[in-house]
Amino acid sequence: MAELKNEPLRHDQKAFLARAKARKGFTGAFDALELEYHVAGQMLKARARAGLTQDAVAERMGTTKSAISRLEAAGRHAPSLSTLKRYATAVGCTLQVKLVRQKAT
């Protein structure tokens, strides 16, 4: 398997969110998917740190670039823990999941 290393496309998440928050209804929809966006953000950061493209991750996972794109698109797909574990391994990470007790109100 050939090692593919490309410079990841730079994305200014803060600027993107600032523009998006100006749109009507964005904040409510974003808040409803907070966990999904957090996980997707972690995935994108891990892939960028690894210096990998979606094509390279797909090759390592034995899937397609479009499948990786769907995994990294928050709110469009709910990946299984097994899939997240395979993605983590492909980008040189381990998956950690924890349950955090809610604060009493």
C-alpha atoms as a PDB file:
ATOM      1  CA  MET A   1       0.000   0.000   0.000  1.00  0.00           C
ATOM      2  CA  ALA A   2       1.490   3.350  -1.032  1.00  0.00           C
ATOM      3  CA  GLU A   3       1.778   6.014   1.646  1.00  0.00           C
ATOM      4  CA  LEU A   4      -0.119   9.068   0.463  1.00  0.00           C
ATOM      5  CA  LYS A   5       0.734  12.385   2.087  1.00  0.00           C
ATOM      6  CA  ASN A   6      -0.732  15.652   0.898  1.00  0.00           C
ATOM      7  CA  GLU A   7      -1.086  19.050   2.462  1.00  0.00           C
ATOM      8  CA  PRO A   8      -4.621  19.188   3.916  1.00  0.00           C
ATOM      9  CA  LEU A   9      -6.939  21.944   2.770  1.00  0.00           C
ATOM     10  CA  ARG A  10      -6.953  24.701   5.383  1.00  0.00           C
ATOM     11  CA  HIS A  11     -10.342  25.568   6.849  1.00  0.00           C
ATOM     12  CA  ASP A  12     -11.030  28.485   9.171  1.00  0.00           C
ATOM     13  CA  GLN A  13     -13.735  26.988  11.390  1.00  0.00           C
ATOM     14  CA  LYS A  14     -14.189  30.156  13.479  1.00  0.00           C
ATOM     15  CA  ALA A  15     -14.765  32.329  10.409  1.00  0.00           C
ATOM     16  CA  PHE A  16     -17.130  29.737   8.940  1.00  0.00           C
ATOM     17  CA  LEU A  17     -19.192  29.612  12.160  1.00  0.00           C
ATOM     18  CA  ALA A  18     -19.288  33.407  12.429  1.00  0.00           C
ATOM     19  CA  ARG A  19     -20.821  33.631   8.938  1.00  0.00           C
ATOM     20  CA  ALA A  20     -23.169  30.719   9.540  1.00  0.00           C
ATOM     21  CA  LYS A  21     -24.497  32.100  12.850  1.00  0.00           C
ATOM     22  CA  ALA A  22     -25.835  35.113  10.967  1.00  0.00           C
ATOM     23  CA  ARG A  23     -28.270  32.835   9.126  1.00  0.00           C
ATOM     24  CA  LYS A  24     -31.753  32.449  10.565  1.00  0.00           C
ATOM     25  CA  GLY A  25     -32.282  29.153  12.378  1.00  0.00           C
ATOM     26  CA  PHE A  26     -28.625  28.164  12.314  1.00  0.00           C
ATOM     27  CA  THR A  27     -27.968  28.358  16.051  1.00  0.00           C
ATOM     28  CA  GLY A  28     -30.845  26.069  17.007  1.00  0.00           C
ATOM     29  CA  ALA A  29     -29.966  23.503  14.360  1.00  0.00           C
ATOM     30  CA  PHE A  30     -26.288  23.646  15.290  1.00  0.00           C
ATOM     31  CA  ASP A  31     -27.010  23.220  18.998  1.00  0.00           C
ATOM     32  CA  ALA A  32     -29.195  20.174  18.276  1.00  0.00           C
ATOM     33  CA  LEU A  33     -26.223  18.510  16.569  1.00  0.00           C
ATOM     34  CA  GLU A  34     -23.522  19.693  18.984  1.00  0.00           C
ATOM     35  CA  LEU A  35     -22.149  16.220  19.706  1.00  0.00           C
ATOM     36  CA  GLU A  36     -22.106  15.242  16.029  1.00  0.00           C
ATOM     37  CA  TYR A  37     -20.237  18.444  15.116  1.00  0.00           C
ATOM     38  CA  HIS A  38     -17.765  17.873  17.936  1.00  0.00           C
ATOM     39  CA  VAL A  39     -17.016  14.330  16.753  1.00  0.00           C
ATOM     40  CA  ALA A  40     -16.698  15.463  13.124  1.00  0.00           C
ATOM     41  CA  GLY A  41     -14.338  18.238  14.205  1.00  0.00           C
ATOM     42  CA  GLN A  42     -12.188  15.740  16.090  1.00  0.00           C
ATOM     43  CA  MET A  43     -12.073  13.515  13.017  1.00  0.00           C
ATOM     44  CA  LEU A  44     -11.000  16.376  10.753  1.00  0.00           C
ATOM     45  CA  LYS A  45      -8.301  17.481  13.204  1.00  0.00           C
ATOM     46  CA  ALA A  46      -6.944  13.951  13.525  1.00  0.00           C
ATOM     47  CA  ARG A  47      -6.814  13.506   9.748  1.00  0.00           C
ATOM     48  CA  ALA A  48      -5.078  16.881   9.335  1.00  0.00           C
ATOM     49  CA  ARG A  49      -2.509  16.007  12.041  1.00  0.00           C
ATOM     50  CA  ALA A  50      -1.822  12.750  10.214  1.00  0.00           C
ATOM     51  CA  GLY A  51      -1.350  14.700   6.965  1.00  0.00           C
ATOM     52  CA  LEU A  52      -3.792  12.438   5.142  1.00  0.00           C
ATOM     53  CA  THR A  53      -6.354  13.072   2.450  1.00  0.00           C
ATOM     54  CA  GLN A  54      -9.810  11.513   2.436  1.00  0.00           C
ATOM     55  CA  ASP A  55      -8.532   9.228  -0.344  1.00  0.00           C
ATOM     56  CA  ALA A  56      -5.667   8.013   1.853  1.00  0.00           C
ATOM     57  CA  VAL A  57      -7.957   7.346   4.823  1.00  0.00           C
ATOM     58  CA  ALA A  58     -10.391   5.530   2.540  1.00  0.00           C
ATOM     59  CA  GLU A  59      -7.586   3.335   1.208  1.00  0.00           C
ATOM     60  CA  ARG A  60      -6.455   2.484   4.746  1.00  0.00           C
ATOM     61  CA  MET A  61     -10.028   1.616   5.752  1.00  0.00           C
ATOM     62  CA  GLY A  62     -10.815  -0.295   2.560  1.00  0.00           C
ATOM     63  CA  THR A  63     -13.628   2.035   1.571  1.00  0.00           C
ATOM     64  CA  THR A  64     -14.261   4.998  -0.733  1.00  0.00           C
ATOM     65  CA  LYS A  65     -13.516   8.700  -0.486  1.00  0.00           C
ATOM     66  CA  SER A  66     -17.245   9.427  -0.592  1.00  0.00           C
ATOM     67  CA  ALA A  67     -17.768   7.179   2.448  1.00  0.00           C
ATOM     68  CA  ILE A  68     -15.103   9.146   4.340  1.00  0.00           C
ATOM     69  CA  SER A  69     -16.743  12.393   3.264  1.00  0.00           C
ATOM     70  CA  ARG A  70     -20.054  11.176   4.705  1.00  0.00           C
ATOM     71  CA  LEU A  71     -18.341  10.163   7.967  1.00  0.00           C
ATOM     72  CA  GLU A  72     -16.812  13.621   8.317  1.00  0.00           C
ATOM     73  CA  ALA A  73     -20.097  15.427   7.556  1.00  0.00           C
ATOM     74  CA  ALA A  74     -21.780  16.006  10.909  1.00  0.00           C
ATOM     75  CA  GLY A  75     -25.473  15.321  11.088  1.00  0.00           C
ATOM     76  CA  ARG A  76     -25.709  13.460   7.800  1.00  0.00           C
ATOM     77  CA  HIS A  77     -24.570  10.064   9.010  1.00  0.00           C
ATOM     78  CA  ALA A  78     -24.370   8.384  12.410  1.00  0.00           C
ATOM     79  CA  PRO A  79     -21.359   6.070  12.211  1.00  0.00           C
ATOM     80  CA  SER A  80     -21.115   2.965  14.363  1.00  0.00           C
ATOM     81  CA  LEU A  81     -18.466   2.656  17.054  1.00  0.00           C
ATOM     82  CA  SER A  82     -16.807   0.020  14.885  1.00  0.00           C
ATOM     83  CA  THR A  83     -16.529   2.471  11.988  1.00  0.00           C
ATOM     84  CA  LEU A  84     -15.219   5.233  14.249  1.00  0.00           C
ATOM     85  CA  LYS A  85     -12.633   2.803  15.629  1.00  0.00           C
ATOM     86  CA  ARG A  86     -11.476   1.907  12.097  1.00  0.00           C
ATOM     87  CA  TYR A  87     -11.284   5.611  11.180  1.00  0.00           C
ATOM     88  CA  ALA A  88      -9.257   6.355  14.320  1.00  0.00           C
ATOM     89  CA  THR A  89      -6.809   3.569  13.498  1.00  0.00           C
ATOM     90  CA  ALA A  90      -6.509   4.819   9.896  1.00  0.00           C
ATOM     91  CA  VAL A  91      -5.446   8.290  11.104  1.00  0.00           C
ATOM     92  CA  GLY A  92      -3.089   6.959  13.772  1.00  0.00           C
ATOM     93  CA  CYS A  93      -5.346   7.412  16.787  1.00  0.00           C
ATOM     94  CA  THR A  94      -7.322   5.333  19.258  1.00  0.00           C
ATOM     95  CA  LEU A  95     -11.001   5.892  19.928  1.00  0.00           C
ATOM     96  CA  GLN A  96     -12.059   6.791  23.460  1.00  0.00           C
ATOM     97  CA  VAL A  97     -15.695   7.021  24.502  1.00  0.00           C
ATOM     98  CA  LYS A  98     -16.827   8.031  27.961  1.00  0.00           C
ATOM     99  CA  LEU A  99     -20.076   8.763  29.702  1.00  0.00           C
ATOM    100  CA  VAL A 100     -20.043  11.869  31.853  1.00  0.00           C
ATOM    101  CA  ARG A 101     -22.536  12.275  34.660  1.00  0.00           C
ATOM    102  CA  GLN A 102     -24.890  15.212  34.140  1.00  0.00           C
ATOM    103  CA  LYS A 103     -24.828  17.996  36.655  1.00  0.00           C
ATOM    104  CA  ALA A 104     -27.867  18.097  38.936  1.00  0.00           C
ATOM    105  CA  THR A 105     -30.187  20.990  38.171  1.00  0.00           C
END
